[in-house]
Amino acid sequence: MVASLPEYVDWTQPTLWISVLFIAFNPTAWNVVARNEYRNKTITRIFGGNAHYGCYFLAVMIFSFGMFRDSLFQHALEHQPRKQMLPEPFDTLVPAALFAVGQTFVITSTWALGITGTFLGDYFGILMDHRVEGFPFSILRDPMYVGSTMSFVAASLWFERPAGLLITLYVYIVYLIALRFEGPFTDMIYSNRAASKAASKKEL
């Protein structure tokens, strides 16, 4: 007999809902803050007009809140029913491999983009000269989001919490929604720069 979902997910645990709330909060908050920065330069003004300092500050905030989100997720898993999902030795090999690959995507994409490229520097007016096409962008359009999702799957399998897989599906949906807002806005920023350069050349 197939077990029902309630046997694997304890919906009464506050830690579950806190984790879900914070997972949605992070990309939503950073999108709002970044768009405000693009239009009003609020953070840049706080740092005396230095856009790089403002971007570094936001990078620290995003990274710190990301670590806090991960700790809340792990805490939520501790309060959820445990169920073996993979036979030995795959119960350790598969999550370890997923985590290693996922973190490789996250770290290499950060390396390729740099701090300002990774942490919304384009909203501060710090634009890249050209599109990054090397690894991991040569195989994935959004390697950081893919890698992060893989790490959530890995943690769920490692701690043998089916509820974690459900949360991971939610994470993936949140990322897809965030990309629908981030992608077009970023394209608009670079289109405006291209148009500005073209206008400057005409004036010459």
N, C-alpha and C. Protein backbone atom coordinates (compact mmCIF):
# COMPACT_ATOMS: atom_id res chain seq x y z
N MET A 1 0.84 -1.19 0.00
CA MET A 1 0.00 0.00 0.00
C MET A 1 0.88 1.26 0.00
N VAL A 2 0.51 2.22 -0.82
CA VAL A 2 1.27 3.46 -0.89
C VAL A 2 0.89 4.35 0.28
N ALA A 3 1.89 4.82 1.00
CA ALA A 3 1.62 5.67 2.16
C ALA A 3 1.15 7.04 1.70
N SER A 4 0.29 7.64 2.49
CA SER A 4 -0.24 8.96 2.14
C SER A 4 0.76 10.04 2.53
N LEU A 5 0.64 11.18 1.88
CA LEU A 5 1.57 12.29 2.11
C LEU A 5 1.63 12.74 3.57
N PRO A 6 0.49 12.81 4.29
CA PRO A 6 0.54 13.25 5.69
C PRO A 6 1.47 12.40 6.56
N GLU A 7 1.74 11.15 6.17
CA GLU A 7 2.64 10.32 6.96
C GLU A 7 4.08 10.79 6.84
N TYR A 8 4.37 11.54 5.79
CA TYR A 8 5.73 11.98 5.54
C TYR A 8 5.93 13.47 5.77
N VAL A 9 4.85 14.20 5.96
CA VAL A 9 4.93 15.64 6.18
C VAL A 9 4.11 16.02 7.40
N ASP A 10 4.76 16.62 8.37
CA ASP A 10 4.06 17.08 9.56
C ASP A 10 3.75 18.57 9.37
N TRP A 11 2.53 18.84 8.93
CA TRP A 11 2.13 20.21 8.61
C TRP A 11 1.97 21.08 9.85
N THR A 12 1.97 20.46 11.02
CA THR A 12 1.75 21.23 12.25
C THR A 12 3.03 21.87 12.79
N GLN A 13 4.18 21.53 12.21
CA GLN A 13 5.44 22.04 12.72
C GLN A 13 5.67 23.49 12.27
N PRO A 14 5.82 24.40 13.22
CA PRO A 14 6.07 25.82 12.86
C PRO A 14 7.34 25.98 12.04
N THR A 15 8.35 25.13 12.29
CA THR A 15 9.62 25.26 11.57
C THR A 15 9.43 25.06 10.07
N LEU A 16 8.46 24.23 9.69
CA LEU A 16 8.18 24.01 8.27
C LEU A 16 7.72 25.30 7.62
N TRP A 17 6.78 25.97 8.24
CA TRP A 17 6.20 27.17 7.66
C TRP A 17 7.17 28.36 7.71
N ILE A 18 8.00 28.40 8.76
CA ILE A 18 9.01 29.46 8.83
C ILE A 18 10.01 29.30 7.69
N SER A 19 10.41 28.05 7.43
CA SER A 19 11.34 27.79 6.33
C SER A 19 10.73 28.18 4.99
N VAL A 20 9.47 27.78 4.78
CA VAL A 20 8.78 28.10 3.54
C VAL A 20 8.66 29.61 3.35
N LEU A 21 8.34 30.31 4.41
CA LEU A 21 8.20 31.76 4.35
C LEU A 21 9.52 32.43 3.98
N PHE A 22 10.59 31.99 4.61
CA PHE A 22 11.88 32.63 4.37
C PHE A 22 12.42 32.31 2.99
N ILE A 23 12.11 31.13 2.47
CA ILE A 23 12.54 30.77 1.11
C ILE A 23 11.93 31.73 0.10
N ALA A 24 10.69 32.11 0.30
CA ALA A 24 10.03 33.07 -0.60
C ALA A 24 10.51 34.50 -0.33
N PHE A 25 10.83 34.79 0.91
CA PHE A 25 11.23 36.15 1.28
C PHE A 25 12.51 36.57 0.57
N ASN A 26 13.51 35.69 0.54
CA ASN A 26 14.83 36.07 0.02
C ASN A 26 14.80 36.64 -1.40
N PRO A 27 14.38 35.87 -2.40
CA PRO A 27 14.40 36.43 -3.76
C PRO A 27 13.46 37.61 -3.94
N THR A 28 12.34 37.60 -3.21
CA THR A 28 11.39 38.71 -3.30
C THR A 28 12.02 40.00 -2.76
N ALA A 29 12.63 39.90 -1.61
CA ALA A 29 13.24 41.07 -0.98
C ALA A 29 14.36 41.64 -1.84
N TRP A 30 15.22 40.76 -2.36
CA TRP A 30 16.37 41.26 -3.12
C TRP A 30 15.93 41.87 -4.44
N ASN A 31 14.88 41.33 -5.04
CA ASN A 31 14.36 41.94 -6.26
C ASN A 31 13.82 43.34 -6.00
N VAL A 32 13.09 43.49 -4.90
CA VAL A 32 12.53 44.80 -4.54
C VAL A 32 13.65 45.79 -4.24
N VAL A 33 14.63 45.35 -3.43
CA VAL A 33 15.74 46.22 -3.06
C VAL A 33 16.55 46.61 -4.29
N ALA A 34 16.82 45.64 -5.17
CA ALA A 34 17.65 45.91 -6.34
C ALA A 34 16.95 46.85 -7.32
N ARG A 35 15.66 46.66 -7.53
CA ARG A 35 14.94 47.55 -8.44
C ARG A 35 14.88 48.97 -7.88
N ASN A 36 14.72 49.07 -6.57
CA ASN A 36 14.74 50.40 -5.96
C ASN A 36 16.11 51.04 -6.14
N GLU A 37 17.15 50.22 -6.01
CA GLU A 37 18.51 50.74 -6.20
C GLU A 37 18.72 51.24 -7.61
N TYR A 38 18.21 50.51 -8.59
CA TYR A 38 18.37 50.92 -9.99
C TYR A 38 17.70 52.26 -10.25
N ARG A 39 16.52 52.44 -9.64
CA ARG A 39 15.75 53.66 -9.90
C ARG A 39 16.16 54.82 -9.02
N ASN A 40 16.46 54.54 -7.75
CA ASN A 40 16.68 55.63 -6.78
C ASN A 40 18.09 55.71 -6.20
N LYS A 41 18.91 54.66 -6.41
CA LYS A 41 20.29 54.65 -5.90
C LYS A 41 20.35 54.84 -4.39
N THR A 42 19.40 54.22 -3.69
CA THR A 42 19.32 54.40 -2.24
C THR A 42 20.57 53.90 -1.53
N ILE A 43 20.99 52.67 -1.82
CA ILE A 43 22.16 52.09 -1.13
C ILE A 43 23.42 52.83 -1.54
N THR A 44 23.53 53.18 -2.81
CA THR A 44 24.71 53.91 -3.29
C THR A 44 24.86 55.23 -2.54
N ARG A 45 23.76 55.93 -2.33
CA ARG A 45 23.82 57.21 -1.61
C ARG A 45 24.26 57.00 -0.16
N ILE A 46 23.80 55.89 0.45
CA ILE A 46 24.20 55.60 1.83
C ILE A 46 25.72 55.45 1.93
N PHE A 47 26.32 54.90 0.88
CA PHE A 47 27.78 54.69 0.87
C PHE A 47 28.50 55.81 0.12
N GLY A 48 27.95 57.00 0.22
CA GLY A 48 28.62 58.19 -0.30
C GLY A 48 28.77 58.22 -1.80
N GLY A 49 27.87 57.57 -2.51
CA GLY A 49 27.92 57.57 -3.96
C GLY A 49 28.80 56.49 -4.55
N ASN A 50 29.35 55.61 -3.72
CA ASN A 50 30.21 54.53 -4.21
C ASN A 50 29.35 53.29 -4.49
N ALA A 51 29.11 53.03 -5.77
CA ALA A 51 28.25 51.91 -6.16
C ALA A 51 28.86 50.56 -5.79
N HIS A 52 30.17 50.46 -5.88
CA HIS A 52 30.83 49.18 -5.56
C HIS A 52 30.66 48.83 -4.07
N TYR A 53 30.84 49.83 -3.20
CA TYR A 53 30.65 49.57 -1.78
C TYR A 53 29.21 49.16 -1.50
N GLY A 54 28.27 49.82 -2.17
CA GLY A 54 26.87 49.47 -2.00
C GLY A 54 26.58 48.06 -2.44
N CYS A 55 27.17 47.65 -3.57
CA CYS A 55 26.98 46.30 -4.08
C CYS A 55 27.60 45.27 -3.14
N TYR A 56 28.79 45.58 -2.61
CA TYR A 56 29.44 44.66 -1.66
C TYR A 56 28.59 44.49 -0.40
N PHE A 57 28.00 45.58 0.05
CA PHE A 57 27.12 45.51 1.22
C PHE A 57 25.93 44.60 0.93
N LEU A 58 25.31 44.78 -0.23
CA LEU A 58 24.17 43.94 -0.59
C LEU A 58 24.61 42.48 -0.73
N ALA A 59 25.81 42.25 -1.25
CA ALA A 59 26.33 40.89 -1.39
C ALA A 59 26.43 40.20 -0.03
N VAL A 60 26.95 40.94 0.96
CA VAL A 60 27.06 40.38 2.31
C VAL A 60 25.68 40.06 2.87
N MET A 61 24.72 40.94 2.63
CA MET A 61 23.37 40.72 3.12
C MET A 61 22.73 39.51 2.46
N ILE A 62 22.87 39.40 1.14
CA ILE A 62 22.27 38.27 0.41
C ILE A 62 22.90 36.96 0.86
N PHE A 63 24.23 36.95 0.99
CA PHE A 63 24.93 35.73 1.41
C PHE A 63 24.52 35.34 2.83
N SER A 64 24.46 36.31 3.72
CA SER A 64 24.12 36.03 5.13
C SER A 64 22.69 35.51 5.25
N PHE A 65 21.76 36.14 4.55
CA PHE A 65 20.38 35.68 4.60
C PHE A 65 20.23 34.33 3.92
N GLY A 66 21.06 34.05 2.92
CA GLY A 66 21.03 32.74 2.29
C GLY A 66 21.47 31.65 3.25
N MET A 67 22.51 31.92 4.02
CA MET A 67 22.97 30.97 5.03
C MET A 67 21.90 30.76 6.11
N PHE A 68 21.25 31.84 6.50
CA PHE A 68 20.18 31.74 7.50
C PHE A 68 19.02 30.91 6.95
N ARG A 69 18.67 31.12 5.67
CA ARG A 69 17.62 30.32 5.03
C ARG A 69 17.97 28.84 5.05
N ASP A 70 19.23 28.52 4.77
CA ASP A 70 19.66 27.12 4.75
C ASP A 70 19.58 26.51 6.14
N SER A 71 19.92 27.29 7.16
CA SER A 71 19.84 26.77 8.53
C SER A 71 18.39 26.54 8.94
N LEU A 72 17.49 27.41 8.50
CA LEU A 72 16.08 27.22 8.79
C LEU A 72 15.54 25.98 8.09
N PHE A 73 16.01 25.73 6.87
CA PHE A 73 15.60 24.54 6.14
C PHE A 73 16.06 23.28 6.86
N GLN A 74 17.31 23.26 7.29
CA GLN A 74 17.82 22.09 8.00
C GLN A 74 17.08 21.90 9.32
N HIS A 75 16.78 22.99 10.00
CA HIS A 75 16.03 22.91 11.27
C HIS A 75 14.64 22.35 11.02
N ALA A 76 14.03 22.75 9.90
CA ALA A 76 12.70 22.23 9.56
C ALA A 76 12.75 20.73 9.30
N LEU A 77 13.82 20.28 8.64
CA LEU A 77 13.95 18.84 8.35
C LEU A 77 14.04 18.03 9.64
N GLU A 78 14.70 18.58 10.65
CA GLU A 78 14.86 17.87 11.92
C GLU A 78 13.53 17.57 12.59
N HIS A 79 12.51 18.37 12.27
CA HIS A 79 11.20 18.20 12.90
C HIS A 79 10.21 17.45 12.01
N GLN A 80 10.71 16.89 10.91
CA GLN A 80 9.84 16.16 9.99
C GLN A 80 10.06 14.65 10.09
N PRO A 81 9.03 13.86 9.75
CA PRO A 81 9.15 12.40 9.80
C PRO A 81 10.30 11.90 8.92
N ARG A 82 10.97 10.87 9.40
CA ARG A 82 12.09 10.29 8.66
C ARG A 82 11.65 9.03 7.93
N LYS A 83 12.13 8.89 6.70
CA LYS A 83 11.78 7.73 5.88
C LYS A 83 12.90 7.44 4.91
N GLN A 84 13.41 6.21 4.92
CA GLN A 84 14.46 5.84 3.98
C GLN A 84 13.91 5.91 2.56
N MET A 85 14.59 6.67 1.69
CA MET A 85 14.11 6.85 0.33
C MET A 85 14.99 6.15 -0.70
N LEU A 86 16.24 5.86 -0.33
CA LEU A 86 17.15 5.18 -1.24
C LEU A 86 17.80 4.01 -0.51
N PRO A 87 18.05 2.90 -1.21
CA PRO A 87 18.72 1.76 -0.56
C PRO A 87 20.20 2.05 -0.38
N GLU A 88 20.82 1.34 0.56
CA GLU A 88 22.27 1.47 0.75
C GLU A 88 22.99 0.88 -0.46
N PRO A 89 24.12 1.42 -0.89
CA PRO A 89 24.82 2.60 -0.36
C PRO A 89 24.39 3.90 -1.04
N PHE A 90 23.34 3.84 -1.86
CA PHE A 90 22.91 5.02 -2.61
C PHE A 90 22.33 6.11 -1.70
N ASP A 91 21.93 5.70 -0.49
CA ASP A 91 21.35 6.68 0.43
C ASP A 91 22.37 7.74 0.86
N THR A 92 23.67 7.42 0.72
CA THR A 92 24.71 8.41 1.01
C THR A 92 25.43 8.87 -0.27
N LEU A 93 25.60 7.96 -1.22
CA LEU A 93 26.33 8.31 -2.45
C LEU A 93 25.58 9.33 -3.29
N VAL A 94 24.27 9.12 -3.46
CA VAL A 94 23.49 10.01 -4.32
C VAL A 94 23.42 11.43 -3.75
N PRO A 95 23.05 11.61 -2.48
CA PRO A 95 23.01 12.99 -1.96
C PRO A 95 24.39 13.65 -1.95
N ALA A 96 25.44 12.87 -1.67
CA ALA A 96 26.79 13.44 -1.67
C ALA A 96 27.16 13.93 -3.07
N ALA A 97 26.83 13.13 -4.08
CA ALA A 97 27.13 13.51 -5.46
C ALA A 97 26.32 14.73 -5.88
N LEU A 98 25.04 14.74 -5.52
CA LEU A 98 24.18 15.88 -5.87
C LEU A 98 24.69 17.16 -5.22
N PHE A 99 25.10 17.06 -3.97
CA PHE A 99 25.60 18.25 -3.27
C PHE A 99 26.89 18.74 -3.90
N ALA A 100 27.79 17.81 -4.24
CA ALA A 100 29.07 18.18 -4.83
C ALA A 100 28.86 18.88 -6.18
N VAL A 101 28.00 18.31 -7.01
CA VAL A 101 27.74 18.90 -8.32
C VAL A 101 27.03 20.25 -8.16
N GLY A 102 26.04 20.29 -7.27
CA GLY A 102 25.29 21.52 -7.05
C GLY A 102 26.18 22.66 -6.58
N GLN A 103 27.05 22.36 -5.62
CA GLN A 103 27.95 23.40 -5.11
C GLN A 103 29.00 23.81 -6.14
N THR A 104 29.37 22.86 -7.00
CA THR A 104 30.28 23.18 -8.09
C THR A 104 29.65 24.22 -9.01
N PHE A 105 28.37 24.03 -9.33
CA PHE A 105 27.66 25.00 -10.16
C PHE A 105 27.61 26.37 -9.49
N VAL A 106 27.32 26.38 -8.20
CA VAL A 106 27.20 27.65 -7.46
C VAL A 106 28.54 28.36 -7.39
N ILE A 107 29.59 27.64 -7.02
CA ILE A 107 30.90 28.25 -6.83
C ILE A 107 31.50 28.71 -8.15
N THR A 108 31.42 27.87 -9.19
CA THR A 108 32.01 28.24 -10.47
C THR A 108 31.26 29.39 -11.15
N SER A 109 29.95 29.45 -10.96
CA SER A 109 29.20 30.56 -11.54
C SER A 109 29.55 31.86 -10.82
N THR A 110 29.74 31.78 -9.51
CA THR A 110 30.16 32.97 -8.75
C THR A 110 31.55 33.42 -9.19
N TRP A 111 32.43 32.46 -9.41
CA TRP A 111 33.79 32.77 -9.87
C TRP A 111 33.75 33.44 -11.24
N ALA A 112 32.91 32.91 -12.13
CA ALA A 112 32.84 33.43 -13.50
C ALA A 112 32.24 34.84 -13.53
N LEU A 113 31.27 35.08 -12.68
CA LEU A 113 30.59 36.38 -12.69
C LEU A 113 31.29 37.43 -11.83
N GLY A 114 32.02 36.97 -10.82
CA GLY A 114 32.60 37.90 -9.86
C GLY A 114 31.55 38.35 -8.85
N ILE A 115 31.98 39.06 -7.84
CA ILE A 115 31.07 39.48 -6.78
C ILE A 115 29.97 40.39 -7.32
N THR A 116 30.35 41.40 -8.09
CA THR A 116 29.34 42.34 -8.58
C THR A 116 28.42 41.69 -9.62
N GLY A 117 28.96 40.77 -10.41
CA GLY A 117 28.12 40.10 -11.39
C GLY A 117 27.15 39.14 -10.75
N THR A 118 27.56 38.54 -9.63
CA THR A 118 26.71 37.57 -8.94
C THR A 118 25.63 38.27 -8.11
N PHE A 119 26.02 39.32 -7.43
CA PHE A 119 25.12 39.95 -6.45
C PHE A 119 24.54 41.26 -6.97
N LEU A 120 23.92 41.20 -8.14
CA LEU A 120 23.07 42.27 -8.66
C LEU A 120 23.79 43.58 -8.91
N GLY A 121 25.07 43.48 -9.29
CA GLY A 121 25.82 44.70 -9.56
C GLY A 121 25.26 45.51 -10.71
N ASP A 122 24.58 44.85 -11.67
CA ASP A 122 24.03 45.59 -12.80
C ASP A 122 22.95 46.57 -12.35
N TYR A 123 22.28 46.29 -11.24
CA TYR A 123 21.28 47.22 -10.72
C TYR A 123 21.94 48.47 -10.12
N PHE A 124 23.22 48.34 -9.81
CA PHE A 124 23.99 49.48 -9.29
C PHE A 124 24.69 50.24 -10.41
N GLY A 125 24.47 49.78 -11.64
CA GLY A 125 25.15 50.41 -12.77
C GLY A 125 26.51 49.82 -13.06
N ILE A 126 26.86 48.72 -12.37
CA ILE A 126 28.14 48.03 -12.60
C ILE A 126 27.87 46.91 -13.60
N LEU A 127 28.04 47.20 -14.86
CA LEU A 127 27.66 46.26 -15.91
C LEU A 127 28.87 45.51 -16.45
N MET A 128 28.65 44.29 -16.87
CA MET A 128 29.71 43.48 -17.46
C MET A 128 29.89 43.87 -18.93
N ASP A 129 31.11 43.70 -19.42
CA ASP A 129 31.41 44.08 -20.80
C ASP A 129 30.77 43.15 -21.82
N HIS A 130 30.63 41.88 -21.44
CA HIS A 130 30.04 40.90 -22.35
C HIS A 130 29.40 39.77 -21.55
N ARG A 131 28.57 39.02 -22.20
CA ARG A 131 27.87 37.91 -21.56
C ARG A 131 28.86 36.79 -21.24
N VAL A 132 28.77 36.24 -20.03
CA VAL A 132 29.64 35.13 -19.62
C VAL A 132 29.13 33.85 -20.27
N GLU A 133 29.99 33.19 -21.01
CA GLU A 133 29.58 31.99 -21.75
C GLU A 133 30.40 30.76 -21.38
N GLY A 134 31.38 30.92 -20.49
CA GLY A 134 32.18 29.77 -20.07
C GLY A 134 31.43 28.91 -19.07
N PHE A 135 32.10 27.83 -18.64
CA PHE A 135 31.49 26.92 -17.65
C PHE A 135 31.19 27.68 -16.36
N PRO A 136 30.05 27.46 -15.73
CA PRO A 136 28.99 26.49 -16.06
C PRO A 136 27.89 27.04 -16.98
N PHE A 137 28.06 28.30 -17.41
CA PHE A 137 27.03 28.91 -18.26
C PHE A 137 27.00 28.30 -19.65
N SER A 138 28.05 27.55 -19.98
CA SER A 138 28.09 26.88 -21.27
C SER A 138 27.14 25.69 -21.33
N ILE A 139 26.73 25.21 -20.15
CA ILE A 139 25.82 24.05 -20.12
C ILE A 139 24.49 24.35 -19.45
N LEU A 140 24.43 25.44 -18.68
CA LEU A 140 23.19 25.81 -17.99
C LEU A 140 22.97 27.31 -18.10
N ARG A 141 21.72 27.72 -18.26
CA ARG A 141 21.40 29.15 -18.34
C ARG A 141 21.46 29.79 -16.96
N ASP A 142 20.99 29.07 -15.95
CA ASP A 142 20.96 29.60 -14.59
C ASP A 142 21.60 28.60 -13.62
N PRO A 143 22.92 28.41 -13.72
CA PRO A 143 23.60 27.38 -12.92
C PRO A 143 23.51 27.59 -11.42
N MET A 144 23.43 28.86 -10.98
CA MET A 144 23.38 29.10 -9.55
C MET A 144 22.06 28.61 -8.95
N TYR A 145 20.98 28.88 -9.63
CA TYR A 145 19.69 28.42 -9.14
C TYR A 145 19.58 26.89 -9.24
N VAL A 146 20.09 26.32 -10.32
CA VAL A 146 20.08 24.86 -10.47
C VAL A 146 20.92 24.21 -9.38
N GLY A 147 22.11 24.75 -9.15
CA GLY A 147 22.98 24.21 -8.12
C GLY A 147 22.39 24.30 -6.74
N SER A 148 21.75 25.42 -6.45
CA SER A 148 21.11 25.59 -5.15
C SER A 148 19.98 24.58 -4.96
N THR A 149 19.19 24.37 -6.00
CA THR A 149 18.10 23.40 -5.92
C THR A 149 18.63 21.99 -5.70
N MET A 150 19.71 21.65 -6.39
CA MET A 150 20.32 20.33 -6.21
C MET A 150 20.79 20.13 -4.77
N SER A 151 21.29 21.20 -4.16
CA SER A 151 21.75 21.10 -2.78
C SER A 151 20.59 20.86 -1.82
N PHE A 152 19.43 21.45 -2.11
CA PHE A 152 18.25 21.20 -1.30
C PHE A 152 17.82 19.74 -1.42
N VAL A 153 17.85 19.22 -2.64
CA VAL A 153 17.52 17.80 -2.84
C VAL A 153 18.50 16.92 -2.08
N ALA A 154 19.77 17.25 -2.17
CA ALA A 154 20.81 16.46 -1.50
C ALA A 154 20.58 16.41 0.01
N ALA A 155 20.28 17.56 0.61
CA ALA A 155 20.05 17.60 2.05
C ALA A 155 18.83 16.77 2.44
N SER A 156 17.79 16.83 1.63
CA SER A 156 16.56 16.07 1.91
C SER A 156 16.83 14.57 1.87
N LEU A 157 17.63 14.13 0.90
CA LEU A 157 17.95 12.71 0.77
C LEU A 157 18.92 12.27 1.86
N TRP A 158 19.86 13.13 2.18
CA TRP A 158 20.87 12.79 3.19
C TRP A 158 20.21 12.57 4.56
N PHE A 159 19.30 13.48 4.92
CA PHE A 159 18.63 13.37 6.22
C PHE A 159 17.37 12.50 6.15
N GLU A 160 17.08 11.99 4.95
CA GLU A 160 15.95 11.08 4.73
C GLU A 160 14.63 11.68 5.19
N ARG A 161 14.36 12.88 4.67
CA ARG A 161 13.13 13.57 5.01
C ARG A 161 12.33 13.84 3.73
N PRO A 162 11.29 13.07 3.47
CA PRO A 162 10.46 13.31 2.28
C PRO A 162 9.91 14.73 2.22
N ALA A 163 9.63 15.31 3.39
CA ALA A 163 9.12 16.69 3.42
C ALA A 163 10.10 17.64 2.78
N GLY A 164 11.39 17.33 2.88
CA GLY A 164 12.41 18.17 2.29
C GLY A 164 12.29 18.23 0.77
N LEU A 165 11.90 17.10 0.16
CA LEU A 165 11.73 17.08 -1.29
C LEU A 165 10.54 17.96 -1.69
N LEU A 166 9.51 17.97 -0.87
CA LEU A 166 8.36 18.83 -1.14
C LEU A 166 8.76 20.30 -1.04
N ILE A 167 9.56 20.63 -0.03
CA ILE A 167 10.05 22.00 0.11
C ILE A 167 10.94 22.36 -1.06
N THR A 168 11.75 21.40 -1.52
CA THR A 168 12.64 21.64 -2.66
C THR A 168 11.84 21.97 -3.92
N LEU A 169 10.73 21.28 -4.13
CA LEU A 169 9.86 21.59 -5.26
C LEU A 169 9.37 23.03 -5.16
N TYR A 170 9.03 23.43 -3.96
CA TYR A 170 8.60 24.81 -3.71
C TYR A 170 9.74 25.79 -4.00
N VAL A 171 10.97 25.43 -3.59
CA VAL A 171 12.14 26.26 -3.87
C VAL A 171 12.29 26.47 -5.38
N TYR A 172 12.17 25.39 -6.13
CA TYR A 172 12.32 25.45 -7.58
C TYR A 172 11.27 26.37 -8.20
N ILE A 173 10.03 26.28 -7.71
CA ILE A 173 8.96 27.14 -8.23
C ILE A 173 9.25 28.61 -7.91
N VAL A 174 9.73 28.86 -6.69
CA VAL A 174 10.08 30.23 -6.29
C VAL A 174 11.18 30.78 -7.20
N TYR A 175 12.17 29.95 -7.49
CA TYR A 175 13.26 30.37 -8.38
C TYR A 175 12.73 30.69 -9.79
N LEU A 176 11.84 29.86 -10.29
CA LEU A 176 11.28 30.10 -11.63
C LEU A 176 10.53 31.43 -11.68
N ILE A 177 9.78 31.72 -10.62
CA ILE A 177 9.05 32.99 -10.55
C ILE A 177 10.03 34.15 -10.48
N ALA A 178 11.08 34.01 -9.66
CA ALA A 178 12.08 35.07 -9.53
C ALA A 178 12.74 35.36 -10.87
N LEU A 179 13.04 34.30 -11.63
CA LEU A 179 13.69 34.47 -12.93
C LEU A 179 12.81 35.21 -13.92
N ARG A 180 11.51 35.04 -13.80
CA ARG A 180 10.59 35.75 -14.69
C ARG A 180 10.63 37.25 -14.45
N PHE A 181 11.02 37.65 -13.26
CA PHE A 181 11.15 39.07 -12.95
C PHE A 181 12.57 39.57 -13.20
N GLU A 182 13.57 38.75 -12.82
CA GLU A 182 14.96 39.18 -12.94
C GLU A 182 15.42 39.27 -14.39
N GLY A 183 15.11 38.23 -15.17
CA GLY A 183 15.59 38.15 -16.54
C GLY A 183 15.22 39.35 -17.40
N PRO A 184 13.94 39.65 -17.55
CA PRO A 184 13.54 40.79 -18.38
C PRO A 184 14.09 42.13 -17.88
N PHE A 185 14.16 42.30 -16.56
CA PHE A 185 14.65 43.57 -16.02
C PHE A 185 16.14 43.74 -16.32
N THR A 186 16.90 42.65 -16.17
CA THR A 186 18.32 42.71 -16.49
C THR A 186 18.53 42.98 -17.98
N ASP A 187 17.74 42.33 -18.81
CA ASP A 187 17.83 42.57 -20.26
C ASP A 187 17.55 44.03 -20.58
N MET A 188 16.59 44.62 -19.86
CA MET A 188 16.25 46.03 -20.07
C MET A 188 17.42 46.93 -19.71
N ILE A 189 18.13 46.60 -18.62
CA ILE A 189 19.28 47.41 -18.20
C ILE A 189 20.35 47.42 -19.28
N TYR A 190 20.64 46.25 -19.82
CA TYR A 190 21.69 46.17 -20.84
C TYR A 190 21.22 46.76 -22.17
N SER A 191 19.94 46.66 -22.45
CA SER A 191 19.41 47.28 -23.67
C SER A 191 19.51 48.80 -23.58
N ASN A 192 19.24 49.33 -22.41
CA ASN A 192 19.36 50.78 -22.21
C ASN A 192 20.80 51.24 -22.38
N ARG A 193 21.75 50.43 -21.90
CA ARG A 193 23.15 50.80 -22.07
C ARG A 193 23.53 50.79 -23.55
N ALA A 194 23.07 49.75 -24.27
CA ALA A 194 23.38 49.66 -25.70
C ALA A 194 22.79 50.85 -26.46
N ALA A 195 21.56 51.22 -26.10
CA ALA A 195 20.92 52.35 -26.75
C ALA A 195 21.64 53.64 -26.44
N SER A 196 22.13 53.78 -25.19
CA SER A 196 22.87 54.98 -24.80
C SER A 196 24.18 55.09 -25.56
N LYS A 197 24.87 53.95 -25.72
CA LYS A 197 26.12 53.96 -26.47
C LYS A 197 25.89 54.31 -27.93
N ALA A 198 24.81 53.76 -28.49
CA ALA A 198 24.50 54.05 -29.90
C ALA A 198 24.18 55.53 -30.09
N ALA A 199 23.46 56.11 -29.14
CA ALA A 199 23.12 57.54 -29.23
C ALA A 199 24.37 58.39 -29.12
N SER A 200 25.32 57.98 -28.25
CA SER A 200 26.56 58.74 -28.08
C SER A 200 27.39 58.72 -29.36
N LYS A 201 27.41 57.59 -30.03
CA LYS A 201 28.17 57.49 -31.29
C LYS A 201 27.57 58.37 -32.37
N LYS A 202 26.26 58.46 -32.40
CA LYS A 202 25.59 59.30 -33.39
C LYS A 202 25.92 60.76 -33.19
N GLU A 203 26.01 61.16 -31.91
CA GLU A 203 26.34 62.55 -31.58
C GLU A 203 27.74 62.91 -32.03
N LEU A 204 28.63 61.90 -32.02
CA LEU A 204 29.99 62.14 -32.48
C LEU A 204 30.02 62.20 -34.01
